[in-house]
């Protein structure tokens, strides 16, 4: 991660908070270094300097699924992660925003391996 942060840097310092670094290191990277580089390059477009927070990271980094998700599952996972971020972790508010029951949100969090921060 530090190597790729150096590669995407344009002279302005950018680092990861401990929480964001932890999320990046425990994420599965099926496309290895290419995927890590892409994610950090995309984060760099949104965060020019300072520290990368977990909320700056894409939804794919917020989960540690043991299996490859289908495209529909990945979309649902991403929607749940974004709703949880917007609701500051409040599952009831996230469920309401998604039009799901709270129980369904809890089941999907477990099923997709969504990591809460």
Protein backbone atom coordinates (compact mmCIF):
# COMPACT_ATOMS: atom_id res chain seq x y z
CA UNK A 1 0.00 0.00 0.00
CA UNK A 2 2.74 2.45 0.93
CA UNK A 3 4.58 1.60 -2.31
CA UNK A 4 1.53 2.39 -4.44
CA UNK A 5 0.74 5.55 -2.47
CA UNK A 6 4.19 6.73 -3.45
CA UNK A 7 3.51 5.87 -7.10
CA UNK A 8 0.19 7.74 -7.26
CA UNK A 9 1.53 10.75 -5.37
CA UNK A 10 1.84 13.98 -7.28
CA UNK A 11 3.99 15.69 -4.70
CA UNK A 12 1.30 16.15 -2.07
CA UNK A 13 1.62 13.79 0.91
CA UNK A 14 -1.06 11.17 1.27
CA UNK A 15 -1.13 8.45 3.88
CA UNK A 16 -3.60 5.99 5.36
CA UNK A 17 -5.09 6.12 8.81
CA UNK A 18 -4.39 2.96 10.81
CA UNK A 19 -8.01 1.87 10.30
CA UNK A 20 -7.89 2.36 6.51
CA UNK A 21 -4.53 0.58 6.28
CA UNK A 22 -5.94 -2.33 8.27
CA UNK A 23 -8.91 -2.57 5.90
CA UNK A 24 -6.63 -2.50 2.87
CA UNK A 25 -4.32 -5.20 4.22
CA UNK A 26 -7.10 -7.62 5.18
CA UNK A 27 -9.05 -7.23 1.93
CA UNK A 28 -8.78 -10.00 -0.61
CA UNK A 29 -7.09 -8.85 -3.80
CA UNK A 30 -8.00 -11.33 -6.53
CA UNK A 31 -6.23 -9.19 -9.13
CA UNK A 32 -3.22 -8.64 -6.87
CA UNK A 33 -1.06 -5.55 -7.27
CA UNK A 34 -2.98 -4.24 -10.26
CA UNK A 35 -6.15 -4.00 -8.21
CA UNK A 36 -4.41 -2.35 -5.23
CA UNK A 37 -2.87 0.23 -7.56
CA UNK A 38 -6.24 0.95 -9.21
CA UNK A 39 -8.01 1.38 -5.87
CA UNK A 40 -5.37 3.77 -4.54
CA UNK A 41 -5.29 5.71 -7.82
CA UNK A 42 -9.08 6.14 -7.61
CA UNK A 43 -8.90 7.19 -3.96
CA UNK A 44 -6.22 9.73 -4.89
CA UNK A 45 -8.65 11.38 -7.32
CA UNK A 46 -11.04 12.09 -4.44
CA UNK A 47 -8.55 12.71 -1.62
CA UNK A 48 -5.73 15.01 -2.71
CA UNK A 49 -3.75 15.15 0.53
CA UNK A 50 -3.94 14.23 4.18
CA UNK A 51 -5.03 10.85 5.47
CA UNK A 52 -7.16 8.27 3.71
CA UNK A 53 -10.10 7.34 5.94
CA UNK A 54 -12.16 4.14 5.67
CA UNK A 55 -15.00 6.16 4.14
CA UNK A 56 -12.64 7.12 1.27
CA UNK A 57 -12.18 3.47 0.32
CA UNK A 58 -14.43 1.70 -2.20
CA UNK A 59 -17.05 -0.75 -0.99
CA UNK A 60 -15.03 -3.74 -2.19
CA UNK A 61 -12.48 -3.02 0.54
CA UNK A 62 -15.17 -2.95 3.23
CA UNK A 63 -15.78 -6.68 2.93
CA UNK A 64 -13.76 -9.83 3.30
CA UNK A 65 -15.84 -12.38 1.44
CA UNK A 66 -14.44 -15.88 1.18
CA UNK A 67 -15.95 -16.33 -2.25
CA UNK A 68 -16.16 -14.34 -5.44
CA UNK A 69 -19.43 -12.40 -5.49
CA UNK A 70 -21.69 -12.29 -8.51
CA UNK A 71 -22.20 -8.91 -10.12
CA UNK A 72 -25.61 -8.54 -8.44
CA UNK A 73 -24.18 -9.50 -5.04
CA UNK A 74 -21.35 -7.01 -5.46
CA UNK A 75 -23.86 -4.26 -6.31
CA UNK A 76 -25.95 -5.12 -3.26
CA UNK A 77 -22.84 -5.21 -1.05
CA UNK A 78 -21.77 -1.81 -2.37
CA UNK A 79 -25.23 -0.32 -1.71
CA UNK A 80 -25.23 -1.66 1.85
CA UNK A 81 -21.72 -0.33 2.53
CA UNK A 82 -22.64 3.12 1.20
CA UNK A 83 -25.87 3.17 3.22
CA UNK A 84 -23.98 2.20 6.38
CA UNK A 85 -21.41 4.95 5.78
CA UNK A 86 -24.17 7.52 5.20
CA UNK A 87 -25.99 6.32 8.35
CA UNK A 88 -22.74 6.40 10.38
CA UNK A 89 -23.08 2.68 11.08
CA UNK A 90 -26.73 2.83 12.19
CA UNK A 91 -28.12 -0.38 10.70
CA UNK A 92 -31.76 0.59 11.23
CA UNK A 93 -31.28 3.86 9.29
CA UNK A 94 -29.31 2.07 6.58
CA UNK A 95 -32.02 -0.57 6.26
CA UNK A 96 -34.73 2.10 5.99
CA UNK A 97 -32.75 3.97 3.31
CA UNK A 98 -32.34 0.73 1.36
CA UNK A 99 -35.96 -0.38 1.78
CA UNK A 100 -34.83 -3.55 3.57
CA UNK A 101 -35.59 -4.95 6.96
CA UNK A 102 -32.94 -4.53 9.61
CA UNK A 103 -32.70 -8.33 9.87
CA UNK A 104 -31.93 -8.55 6.14
CA UNK A 105 -29.18 -5.95 6.50
CA UNK A 106 -27.65 -7.96 9.36
CA UNK A 107 -27.80 -11.16 7.29
CA UNK A 108 -26.20 -9.48 4.27
CA UNK A 109 -23.45 -7.96 6.43
CA UNK A 110 -22.55 -11.48 7.58
CA UNK A 111 -23.00 -13.06 4.16
CA UNK A 112 -20.83 -10.50 2.34
CA UNK A 113 -18.26 -10.19 5.14
CA UNK A 114 -18.81 -6.46 5.45
CA UNK A 115 -16.34 -5.02 7.93
CA UNK A 116 -17.72 -2.31 10.14
CA UNK A 117 -15.44 0.45 11.28
